[in-house]
PDB file of N, CA and C in Angstrom:
ATOM      1  N   MET A   1      28.796 -21.063 -81.707  1.00  0.00           N
ATOM      2  CA  MET A   1      28.725 -19.987 -82.370  1.00  0.00           C
ATOM      3  C   MET A   1      28.229 -19.606 -83.778  1.00  0.00           C
ATOM      4  N   THR A   2      27.350 -18.811 -83.734  1.00  0.00           N
ATOM      5  CA  THR A   2      26.471 -18.288 -84.877  1.00  0.00           C
ATOM      6  C   THR A   2      27.062 -17.194 -85.618  1.00  0.00           C
ATOM      7  N   VAL A   3      27.275 -17.409 -86.958  1.00  0.00           N
ATOM      8  CA  VAL A   3      27.742 -16.361 -87.521  1.00  0.00           C
ATOM      9  C   VAL A   3      26.858 -15.920 -88.609  1.00  0.00           C
ATOM     10  N   VAL A   4      26.620 -14.486 -88.520  1.00  0.00           N
ATOM     11  CA  VAL A   4      25.377 -13.919 -89.148  1.00  0.00           C
ATOM     12  C   VAL A   4      26.007 -13.042 -90.506  1.00  0.00           C
ATOM     13  N   GLU A   5      25.535 -13.605 -91.581  1.00  0.00           N
ATOM     14  CA  GLU A   5      26.238 -12.797 -92.908  1.00  0.00           C
ATOM     15  C   GLU A   5      25.712 -11.158 -92.800  1.00  0.00           C
ATOM     16  N   HIS A   6      26.755 -10.338 -93.014  1.00  0.00           N
ATOM     17  CA  HIS A   6      26.579  -8.936 -92.989  1.00  0.00           C
ATOM     18  C   HIS A   6      25.115  -8.306 -93.588  1.00  0.00           C
ATOM     19  N   SER A   7      24.632  -8.837 -94.776  1.00  0.00           N
ATOM     20  CA  SER A   7      23.618  -8.587 -95.362  1.00  0.00           C
ATOM     21  C   SER A   7      22.316  -9.154 -94.774  1.00  0.00           C
ATOM     22  N   ALA A   8      22.495 -10.271 -93.404  1.00  0.00           N
ATOM     23  CA  ALA A   8      21.392 -10.554 -93.055  1.00  0.00           C
ATOM     24  C   ALA A   8      21.270  -9.872 -91.614  1.00  0.00           C
ATOM     25  N   ALA A   9      22.315  -9.145 -91.117  1.00  0.00           N
ATOM     26  CA  ALA A   9      21.942  -8.663 -89.937  1.00  0.00           C
ATOM     27  C   ALA A   9      21.359  -7.462 -89.972  1.00  0.00           C
ATOM     28  N   PRO A  10      20.344  -7.102 -89.020  1.00  0.00           N
ATOM     29  CA  PRO A  10      19.436  -5.914 -88.804  1.00  0.00           C
ATOM     30  C   PRO A  10      20.542  -4.742 -89.012  1.00  0.00           C
ATOM     31  N   ALA A  11      19.948  -3.735 -89.645  1.00  0.00           N
ATOM     32  CA  ALA A  11      20.609  -2.400 -90.045  1.00  0.00           C
ATOM     33  C   ALA A  11      20.570  -1.647 -88.627  1.00  0.00           C
ATOM     34  N   ASP A  12      21.779  -1.286 -88.121  1.00  0.00           N
ATOM     35  CA  ASP A  12      21.969  -0.343 -87.071  1.00  0.00           C
ATOM     36  C   ASP A  12      22.034   1.188 -87.512  1.00  0.00           C
ATOM     37  N   PRO A  13      21.254   1.945 -87.355  1.00  0.00           N
ATOM     38  CA  PRO A  13      21.017   3.215 -87.722  1.00  0.00           C
ATOM     39  C   PRO A  13      22.674   4.028 -87.434  1.00  0.00           C
ATOM     40  N   ASP A  14      23.152   3.774 -86.386  1.00  0.00           N
ATOM     41  CA  ASP A  14      24.262   4.322 -85.991  1.00  0.00           C
ATOM     42  C   ASP A  14      25.482   3.877 -87.070  1.00  0.00           C
ATOM     43  N   VAL A  15      25.598   2.714 -87.332  1.00  0.00           N
ATOM     44  CA  VAL A  15      26.621   1.944 -88.218  1.00  0.00           C
ATOM     45  C   VAL A  15      26.158   2.588 -89.667  1.00  0.00           C
ATOM     46  N   LEU A  16      25.037   2.752 -90.073  1.00  0.00           N
ATOM     47  CA  LEU A  16      24.456   3.420 -91.451  1.00  0.00           C
ATOM     48  C   LEU A  16      24.968   4.786 -91.426  1.00  0.00           C
ATOM     49  N   LEU A  17      24.922   5.636 -90.496  1.00  0.00           N
ATOM     50  CA  LEU A  17      25.324   6.746 -90.513  1.00  0.00           C
ATOM     51  C   LEU A  17      26.854   6.869 -90.510  1.00  0.00           C
ATOM     52  N   ALA A  18      27.442   6.205 -89.676  1.00  0.00           N
ATOM     53  CA  ALA A  18      29.064   6.133 -89.618  1.00  0.00           C
ATOM     54  C   ALA A  18      29.783   5.924 -91.052  1.00  0.00           C
ATOM     55  N   GLN A  19      29.032   4.924 -91.710  1.00  0.00           N
ATOM     56  CA  GLN A  19      29.406   4.689 -93.046  1.00  0.00           C
ATOM     57  C   GLN A  19      29.160   5.826 -94.135  1.00  0.00           C
ATOM     58  N   ARG A  20      28.713   6.642 -93.743  1.00  0.00           N
ATOM     59  CA  ARG A  20      28.270   7.834 -94.773  1.00  0.00           C
ATOM     60  C   ARG A  20      29.412   8.812 -94.601  1.00  0.00           C
ATOM     61  N   ILE A  21      30.213   8.901 -93.444  1.00  0.00           N
ATOM     62  CA  ILE A  21      31.179   9.811 -93.121  1.00  0.00           C
ATOM     63  C   ILE A  21      32.409   9.622 -94.160  1.00  0.00           C
ATOM     64  N   LYS A  22      32.890  10.637 -94.972  1.00  0.00           N
ATOM     65  CA  LYS A  22      33.688  10.668 -96.085  1.00  0.00           C
ATOM     66  C   LYS A  22      34.976  10.328 -95.452  1.00  0.00           C
ATOM     67  N   CYS A  23      35.553  11.116 -94.289  1.00  0.00           N
ATOM     68  CA  CYS A  23      36.950  11.096 -94.075  1.00  0.00           C
ATOM     69  C   CYS A  23      37.091   9.881 -93.390  1.00  0.00           C
ATOM     70  N   ASP A  24      38.132   9.263 -93.872  1.00  0.00           N
ATOM     71  CA  ASP A  24      38.549   7.703 -93.439  1.00  0.00           C
ATOM     72  C   ASP A  24      38.661   7.696 -91.760  1.00  0.00           C
ATOM     73  N   ALA A  25      39.661   8.590 -91.453  1.00  0.00           N
ATOM     74  CA  ALA A  25      39.854   8.703 -89.807  1.00  0.00           C
ATOM     75  C   ALA A  25      38.803   8.763 -89.280  1.00  0.00           C
ATOM     76  N   THR A  26      37.959   9.786 -89.340  1.00  0.00           N
ATOM     77  CA  THR A  26      36.855  10.042 -88.430  1.00  0.00           C
ATOM     78  C   THR A  26      35.490   8.908 -88.687  1.00  0.00           C
ATOM     79  N   ARG A  27      35.481   8.480 -90.008  1.00  0.00           N
ATOM     80  CA  ARG A  27      34.684   7.148 -89.997  1.00  0.00           C
ATOM     81  C   ARG A  27      35.167   6.217 -89.021  1.00  0.00           C
ATOM     82  N   ARG A  28      36.413   5.691 -89.233  1.00  0.00           N
ATOM     83  CA  ARG A  28      36.808   4.823 -88.248  1.00  0.00           C
ATOM     84  C   ARG A  28      36.738   4.984 -86.868  1.00  0.00           C
ATOM     85  N   LEU A  29      37.043   6.278 -86.480  1.00  0.00           N
ATOM     86  CA  LEU A  29      37.022   6.562 -84.906  1.00  0.00           C
ATOM     87  C   LEU A  29      35.444   6.175 -84.457  1.00  0.00           C
ATOM     88  N   THR A  30      34.460   6.852 -85.492  1.00  0.00           N
ATOM     89  CA  THR A  30      33.102   6.877 -84.955  1.00  0.00           C
ATOM     90  C   THR A  30      32.579   5.317 -85.109  1.00  0.00           C
ATOM     91  N   ARG A  31      33.026   4.542 -85.718  1.00  0.00           N
ATOM     92  CA  ARG A  31      32.778   3.123 -85.757  1.00  0.00           C
ATOM     93  C   ARG A  31      33.474   2.222 -84.403  1.00  0.00           C
ATOM     94  N   LEU A  32      34.493   2.793 -83.933  1.00  0.00           N
ATOM     95  CA  LEU A  32      35.276   2.373 -82.994  1.00  0.00           C
ATOM     96  C   LEU A  32      34.406   2.544 -81.680  1.00  0.00           C
ATOM     97  N   ALA A  33      33.776   3.797 -81.633  1.00  0.00           N
ATOM     98  CA  ALA A  33      32.890   4.490 -80.480  1.00  0.00           C
ATOM     99  C   ALA A  33      31.618   3.679 -80.212  1.00  0.00           C
ATOM    100  N   LEU A  34      30.910   3.278 -81.355  1.00  0.00           N
ATOM    101  CA  LEU A  34      29.646   2.722 -81.413  1.00  0.00           C
ATOM    102  C   LEU A  34      29.780   1.467 -80.343  1.00  0.00           C
ATOM    103  N   GLY A  35      28.838   1.571 -79.412  1.00  0.00           N
ATOM    104  CA  GLY A  35      28.667   0.548 -78.393  1.00  0.00           C
ATOM    105  C   GLY A  35      29.419   1.019 -77.256  1.00  0.00           C
ATOM    106  N   LEU A  36      30.120   1.699 -77.140  1.00  0.00           N
ATOM    107  CA  LEU A  36      30.603   2.115 -75.755  1.00  0.00           C
ATOM    108  C   LEU A  36      29.677   2.434 -74.847  1.00  0.00           C
ATOM    109  N   SER A  37      30.089   2.324 -73.556  1.00  0.00           N
ATOM    110  CA  SER A  37      29.044   2.823 -72.432  1.00  0.00           C
ATOM    111  C   SER A  37      29.025   4.332 -72.100  1.00  0.00           C
ATOM    112  N   GLN A  38      28.068   4.706 -71.722  1.00  0.00           N
ATOM    113  CA  GLN A  38      27.897   6.264 -71.382  1.00  0.00           C
ATOM    114  C   GLN A  38      29.043   6.558 -70.751  1.00  0.00           C
ATOM    115  N   ASP A  39      29.433   5.912 -69.781  1.00  0.00           N
ATOM    116  CA  ASP A  39      30.475   6.365 -68.877  1.00  0.00           C
ATOM    117  C   ASP A  39      31.792   6.676 -69.623  1.00  0.00           C
ATOM    118  N   SER A  40      32.089   5.639 -70.667  1.00  0.00           N
ATOM    119  CA  SER A  40      33.254   5.534 -71.526  1.00  0.00           C
ATOM    120  C   SER A  40      33.197   6.710 -72.405  1.00  0.00           C
ATOM    121  N   MET A  41      32.055   7.051 -73.015  1.00  0.00           N
ATOM    122  CA  MET A  41      31.809   8.217 -74.012  1.00  0.00           C
ATOM    123  C   MET A  41      32.045   9.536 -73.163  1.00  0.00           C
ATOM    124  N   ASP A  42      31.605   9.487 -71.921  1.00  0.00           N
ATOM    125  CA  ASP A  42      31.743  10.793 -70.947  1.00  0.00           C
ATOM    126  C   ASP A  42      33.244  10.718 -70.804  1.00  0.00           C
ATOM    127  N   LEU A  43      33.983   9.884 -70.662  1.00  0.00           N
ATOM    128  CA  LEU A  43      35.705   9.987 -70.393  1.00  0.00           C
ATOM    129  C   LEU A  43      36.213  10.548 -71.392  1.00  0.00           C
ATOM    130  N   LEU A  44      35.777  10.139 -72.782  1.00  0.00           N
ATOM    131  CA  LEU A  44      36.269  10.325 -74.037  1.00  0.00           C
ATOM    132  C   LEU A  44      36.026  11.901 -74.148  1.00  0.00           C
ATOM    133  N   THR A  45      34.691  12.440 -73.903  1.00  0.00           N
ATOM    134  CA  THR A  45      34.611  13.590 -74.177  1.00  0.00           C
ATOM    135  C   THR A  45      35.463  14.412 -73.314  1.00  0.00           C
ATOM    136  N   SER A  46      35.619  14.058 -72.047  1.00  0.00           N
ATOM    137  CA  SER A  46      36.381  14.912 -70.995  1.00  0.00           C
ATOM    138  C   SER A  46      37.815  14.844 -71.520  1.00  0.00           C
ATOM    139  N   VAL A  47      38.379  14.005 -72.068  1.00  0.00           N
ATOM    140  CA  VAL A  47      39.667  13.881 -72.467  1.00  0.00           C
ATOM    141  C   VAL A  47      39.845  14.732 -73.483  1.00  0.00           C
ATOM    142  N   THR A  48      39.069  14.479 -74.714  1.00  0.00           N
ATOM    143  CA  THR A  48      39.004  15.573 -75.786  1.00  0.00           C
ATOM    144  C   THR A  48      38.798  16.951 -75.418  1.00  0.00           C
ATOM    145  N   ASP A  49      38.109  17.347 -74.731  1.00  0.00           N
ATOM    146  CA  ASP A  49      37.976  18.654 -74.128  1.00  0.00           C
ATOM    147  C   ASP A  49      39.047  19.289 -73.420  1.00  0.00           C
ATOM    148  N   ARG A  50      39.829  18.415 -72.597  1.00  0.00           N
ATOM    149  CA  ARG A  50      41.274  18.757 -72.071  1.00  0.00           C
ATOM    150  C   ARG A  50      42.271  18.978 -73.204  1.00  0.00           C
ATOM    151  N   LEU A  51      42.201  18.229 -74.165  1.00  0.00           N
ATOM    152  CA  LEU A  51      43.179  18.054 -75.200  1.00  0.00           C
ATOM    153  C   LEU A  51      43.228  19.567 -76.008  1.00  0.00           C
ATOM    154  N   ARG A  52      41.782  19.679 -76.260  1.00  0.00           N
ATOM    155  CA  ARG A  52      41.543  20.877 -76.988  1.00  0.00           C
ATOM    156  C   ARG A  52      41.904  22.159 -76.252  1.00  0.00           C
ATOM    157  N   ALA A  53      41.627  22.226 -75.057  1.00  0.00           N
ATOM    158  CA  ALA A  53      42.012  23.129 -74.270  1.00  0.00           C
ATOM    159  C   ALA A  53      43.671  23.326 -74.137  1.00  0.00           C
ATOM    160  N   ALA A  54      44.172  22.124 -74.170  1.00  0.00           N
ATOM    161  CA  ALA A  54      45.566  22.531 -74.107  1.00  0.00           C
ATOM    162  C   ALA A  54      46.403  22.885 -75.446  1.00  0.00           C
ATOM    163  N   GLU A  55      45.530  22.823 -76.489  1.00  0.00           N
ATOM    164  CA  GLU A  55      45.940  23.345 -78.112  1.00  0.00           C
ATOM    165  C   GLU A  55      45.683  24.523 -78.207  1.00  0.00           C
ATOM    166  N   GLY A  56      44.844  25.237 -77.208  1.00  0.00           N
ATOM    167  CA  GLY A  56      44.302  26.584 -77.226  1.00  0.00           C
ATOM    168  C   GLY A  56      43.030  26.643 -77.949  1.00  0.00           C
ATOM    169  N   ALA A  57      42.337  25.465 -78.051  1.00  0.00           N
ATOM    170  CA  ALA A  57      40.994  25.601 -78.833  1.00  0.00           C
ATOM    171  C   ALA A  57      39.582  26.278 -78.055  1.00  0.00           C
ATOM    172  N   LEU A  58      39.856  25.694 -76.889  1.00  0.00           N
ATOM    173  CA  LEU A  58      38.799  26.144 -75.863  1.00  0.00           C
ATOM    174  C   LEU A  58      39.471  26.305 -74.471  1.00  0.00           C
ATOM    175  N   ARG A  59      38.639  26.854 -73.479  1.00  0.00           N
ATOM    176  CA  ARG A  59      39.184  27.118 -71.993  1.00  0.00           C
ATOM    177  C   ARG A  59      39.256  25.708 -71.492  1.00  0.00           C
ATOM    178  N   ASP A  60      40.247  25.597 -70.665  1.00  0.00           N
ATOM    179  CA  ASP A  60      40.190  24.249 -69.590  1.00  0.00           C
ATOM    180  C   ASP A  60      39.203  23.952 -69.015  1.00  0.00           C
ATOM    181  N   PRO A  61      38.264  22.835 -68.983  1.00  0.00           N
ATOM    182  CA  PRO A  61      37.007  22.859 -68.308  1.00  0.00           C
ATOM    183  C   PRO A  61      37.376  22.571 -66.906  1.00  0.00           C
ATOM    184  N   LEU A  62      38.640  21.970 -66.443  1.00  0.00           N
ATOM    185  CA  LEU A  62      38.886  22.078 -64.994  1.00  0.00           C
ATOM    186  C   LEU A  62      39.170  22.921 -64.344  1.00  0.00           C
ATOM    187  N   THR A  63      40.024  23.929 -65.012  1.00  0.00           N
ATOM    188  CA  THR A  63      40.454  25.249 -64.432  1.00  0.00           C
ATOM    189  C   THR A  63      39.747  26.349 -64.733  1.00  0.00           C
ATOM    190  N   ALA A  64      38.706  26.478 -65.562  1.00  0.00           N
ATOM    191  CA  ALA A  64      38.052  27.651 -66.042  1.00  0.00           C
ATOM    192  C   ALA A  64      37.392  28.548 -64.876  1.00  0.00           C
ATOM    193  N   ASP A  65      36.842  27.511 -63.730  1.00  0.00           N
ATOM    194  CA  ASP A  65      36.189  28.310 -62.890  1.00  0.00           C
ATOM    195  C   ASP A  65      37.061  28.906 -61.680  1.00  0.00           C
ATOM    196  N   LEU A  66      38.455  28.306 -61.872  1.00  0.00           N
ATOM    197  CA  LEU A  66      39.381  28.966 -60.736  1.00  0.00           C
ATOM    198  C   LEU A  66      40.240  30.156 -61.120  1.00  0.00           C
ATOM    199  N   GLY A  67      39.749  30.704 -62.493  1.00  0.00           N
ATOM    200  CA  GLY A  67      40.543  31.774 -62.835  1.00  0.00           C
ATOM    201  C   GLY A  67      41.931  31.613 -63.331  1.00  0.00           C
ATOM    202  N   PHE A  68      42.386  30.633 -63.655  1.00  0.00           N
ATOM    203  CA  PHE A  68      43.650  30.166 -64.532  1.00  0.00           C
ATOM    204  C   PHE A  68      43.712  30.329 -65.873  1.00  0.00           C
ATOM    205  N   ASP A  69      42.599  30.608 -66.392  1.00  0.00           N
ATOM    206  CA  ASP A  69      42.655  30.683 -67.815  1.00  0.00           C
ATOM    207  C   ASP A  69      43.008  32.159 -68.369  1.00  0.00           C
TER     208      ASP A  69
END
């Protein structure tokens, strides 16, 4: 196993951007999401859209076309 010093690791632009987020919770969530597959990101986006719809922040994407909104 090779351990690389953080200062010696190549700078990942996504990590550098995540470090600039001032809100601790948002920064932590962003850093956790780094490296997820596209399918995982799509699933998370779908779940957040449904949660926002349940809160009334936007229309439910699964029922909007059915006229239930």
